[in-house]
Amino acid sequence: MFHARLKRQNLGVTWVEVLVTLAILGVLLASGMSHWRGLQAQHAERRLFHDLGHILAFARNQAFLRAETLVLLPRVASEGWSSGMVLVFQNTTLEAHAQPLHTWRWRYPNVHLSWHGFLGEDTIIIAHNPAKIAMNGSFLIKINHLEQKRWVVNRLGRIRVLRKHVD
């Protein structure tokens, strides 16, 4: 009878054991979520880097094929380059409601993108003449308002990561 009573008491768990288990799971989940957000930011950064490389190559090819100078502009002027880009002919502006040749839209949460070129911060000019190609500049990417990286664009539109960002 004494053994039967002990067996019945050991079959269940106490509230303290449940609460301790839930607390441990909560701590593990919280630490995993911060790591997950870091992985998401790295993935967004890599996707944006490759997207920009493809966009610049596409714009350069279109300028050569059309034998005209083209311009990349921010999709929405008030949001800057963070929401996308449009490709237009050089003599058109978005205010004139010109039909863009191509539009790229994206949303990378907690990522802010800006362009700093020697011809200005609101345009990237892609010339059709190889002697006049000048896309020199850099994209400054800010992730989670903390980390900053600079991606340098050469005159042919190729991007490389600047290892140490200096303001």
Protein backbone atom coordinates (compact mmCIF):
# COMPACT_ATOMS: atom_id res chain seq x y z
CA MET A 1 0.00 0.00 0.00
CA PHE A 2 2.86 2.37 0.76
CA HIS A 3 4.48 1.61 -2.63
CA ALA A 4 1.18 2.13 -4.44
CA ARG A 5 0.81 5.56 -2.86
CA LEU A 6 4.38 6.58 -3.88
CA LYS A 7 3.82 5.44 -7.46
CA ARG A 8 0.69 7.56 -7.77
CA GLN A 9 2.49 10.66 -6.46
CA ASN A 10 5.44 10.30 -8.86
CA LEU A 11 3.29 9.96 -12.00
CA GLY A 12 2.46 13.67 -12.31
CA VAL A 13 4.49 16.85 -12.56
CA THR A 14 4.25 19.80 -10.23
CA TRP A 15 3.44 23.34 -11.22
CA VAL A 16 6.95 24.39 -10.28
CA GLU A 17 8.43 21.90 -12.74
CA VAL A 18 6.11 23.14 -15.49
CA LEU A 19 6.97 26.78 -14.80
CA VAL A 20 10.72 26.08 -14.72
CA THR A 21 10.47 24.19 -18.01
CA LEU A 22 8.49 27.03 -19.60
CA ALA A 23 11.00 29.59 -18.34
CA ILE A 24 13.91 27.64 -19.84
CA LEU A 25 12.06 27.29 -23.15
CA GLY A 26 11.29 31.02 -23.13
CA VAL A 27 14.95 31.93 -22.65
CA LEU A 28 16.00 29.56 -25.44
CA LEU A 29 13.31 30.93 -27.75
CA ALA A 30 14.30 34.54 -27.05
CA SER A 31 17.96 33.88 -27.79
CA GLY A 32 17.02 31.97 -30.94
CA MET A 33 14.82 34.84 -32.17
CA SER A 34 17.66 37.37 -31.94
CA HIS A 35 19.89 35.00 -33.90
CA TRP A 36 17.09 34.49 -36.45
CA ARG A 37 16.72 38.26 -36.96
CA GLY A 38 20.46 38.53 -37.57
CA LEU A 39 20.26 35.78 -40.19
CA GLN A 40 17.32 37.51 -41.86
CA ALA A 41 19.25 40.81 -42.04
CA GLN A 42 22.28 39.05 -43.57
CA HIS A 43 20.06 37.34 -46.13
CA ALA A 44 18.36 40.63 -47.05
CA GLU A 45 21.76 42.30 -47.43
CA ARG A 46 23.03 39.55 -49.77
CA ARG A 47 19.84 39.64 -51.85
CA LEU A 48 20.00 43.41 -52.16
CA PHE A 49 23.69 43.27 -53.18
CA HIS A 50 22.95 40.75 -55.94
CA ASP A 51 19.80 42.60 -57.02
CA LEU A 52 21.75 45.84 -57.42
CA GLY A 53 24.44 44.08 -59.45
CA HIS A 54 21.80 42.63 -61.80
CA ILE A 55 19.99 45.98 -62.08
CA LEU A 56 23.17 47.85 -63.01
CA ALA A 57 24.11 45.19 -65.57
CA PHE A 58 20.59 45.29 -67.06
CA ALA A 59 20.64 49.10 -67.25
CA ARG A 60 24.08 49.10 -68.88
CA ASN A 61 22.95 46.51 -71.47
CA GLN A 62 19.78 48.48 -72.23
CA ALA A 63 21.82 51.65 -72.77
CA PHE A 64 24.06 49.82 -75.25
CA LEU A 65 21.15 48.14 -77.05
CA ARG A 66 19.12 51.35 -77.34
CA ALA A 67 22.20 53.52 -78.05
CA GLU A 68 20.87 56.11 -75.60
CA THR A 69 21.90 57.43 -72.23
CA LEU A 70 19.66 56.07 -69.47
CA VAL A 71 19.14 57.11 -65.86
CA LEU A 72 18.34 55.11 -62.75
CA LEU A 73 16.20 57.06 -60.26
CA PRO A 74 14.68 56.17 -56.89
CA ARG A 75 11.21 54.67 -57.42
CA VAL A 76 9.69 56.98 -54.79
CA ALA A 77 11.63 60.19 -54.33
CA SER A 78 10.51 60.69 -50.72
CA GLU A 79 11.67 57.17 -49.71
CA GLY A 80 14.98 57.34 -51.55
CA TRP A 81 16.56 54.19 -52.93
CA SER A 82 15.16 51.92 -50.18
CA SER A 83 11.91 51.11 -52.00
CA GLY A 84 13.25 50.46 -55.48
CA MET A 85 14.44 52.04 -58.72
CA VAL A 86 13.16 53.02 -62.13
CA LEU A 87 15.07 53.11 -65.41
CA VAL A 88 14.17 56.02 -67.72
CA PHE A 89 15.63 57.88 -70.67
CA GLN A 90 17.96 60.70 -69.68
CA ASN A 91 15.68 63.58 -70.69
CA THR A 92 12.61 62.34 -68.79
CA THR A 93 11.67 62.85 -65.16
CA LEU A 94 9.26 61.01 -62.93
CA GLU A 95 7.40 64.25 -62.24
CA ALA A 96 6.46 64.39 -65.94
CA HIS A 97 4.80 60.96 -65.51
CA ALA A 98 7.00 59.45 -68.19
CA GLN A 99 6.67 55.74 -68.74
CA PRO A 100 9.76 54.07 -67.23
CA LEU A 101 11.61 51.43 -69.21
CA HIS A 102 11.69 49.19 -66.17
CA THR A 103 10.73 49.40 -62.50
CA TRP A 104 12.20 47.44 -59.60
CA ARG A 105 10.36 47.34 -56.29
CA TRP A 106 11.54 45.84 -53.06
CA ARG A 107 10.95 45.95 -49.33
CA TYR A 108 13.80 44.96 -47.09
CA PRO A 109 12.71 45.56 -43.49
CA ASN A 110 15.12 47.60 -41.38
CA VAL A 111 17.37 48.29 -44.39
CA HIS A 112 18.00 51.83 -45.62
CA LEU A 113 19.80 52.33 -48.94
CA SER A 114 21.27 55.56 -50.27
CA TRP A 115 23.37 56.44 -53.33
CA HIS A 116 26.37 58.74 -53.25
CA GLY A 117 27.66 59.32 -56.76
CA PHE A 118 29.92 61.97 -58.17
CA LEU A 119 27.06 63.23 -60.33
CA GLY A 120 24.55 63.44 -57.48
CA GLU A 121 22.57 61.48 -54.91
CA ASP A 122 19.35 61.14 -56.86
CA THR A 123 20.52 59.71 -60.21
CA ILE A 124 22.80 57.09 -61.68
CA ILE A 125 23.59 57.91 -65.29
CA ILE A 126 24.33 55.04 -67.66
CA ALA A 127 25.88 56.23 -70.93
CA HIS A 128 25.67 54.16 -74.10
CA ASN A 129 29.13 55.22 -75.24
CA PRO A 130 31.77 53.04 -73.50
CA ALA A 131 34.15 56.01 -73.35
CA LYS A 132 31.60 58.04 -71.38
CA ILE A 133 30.36 55.37 -68.96
CA ALA A 134 30.54 56.84 -65.50
CA MET A 135 28.47 55.14 -62.82
CA ASN A 136 31.11 55.86 -60.18
CA GLY A 137 29.79 56.16 -56.69
CA SER A 138 28.73 54.04 -53.79
CA PHE A 139 25.65 52.70 -52.08
CA LEU A 140 25.53 53.17 -48.33
CA ILE A 141 23.47 50.48 -46.66
CA LYS A 142 22.27 50.84 -43.08
CA ILE A 143 20.92 47.73 -41.40
CA ASN A 144 18.77 48.07 -38.26
CA HIS A 145 20.04 51.67 -37.92
CA LEU A 146 23.25 50.27 -36.43
CA GLU A 147 25.51 48.65 -38.97
CA GLN A 148 26.68 50.54 -42.05
CA LYS A 149 28.38 49.18 -45.13
CA ARG A 150 29.53 50.86 -48.30
CA TRP A 151 29.23 49.15 -51.67
CA VAL A 152 31.43 50.83 -54.27
CA VAL A 153 30.29 50.92 -57.91
CA ASN A 154 32.96 51.36 -60.58
CA ARG A 155 32.41 53.22 -63.83
CA LEU A 156 31.25 50.03 -65.57
CA GLY A 157 28.61 49.31 -62.94
CA ARG A 158 30.33 46.50 -61.06
CA ILE A 159 29.85 46.45 -57.30
CA ARG A 160 32.34 45.52 -54.64
CA VAL A 161 32.05 45.64 -50.88
CA LEU A 162 34.23 48.18 -49.13
CA ARG A 163 35.51 46.25 -46.12
CA LYS A 164 35.88 49.16 -43.71
CA HIS A 165 33.36 51.95 -43.86
CA VAL A 166 34.79 55.39 -43.11
CA ASP A 167 32.54 58.48 -42.89
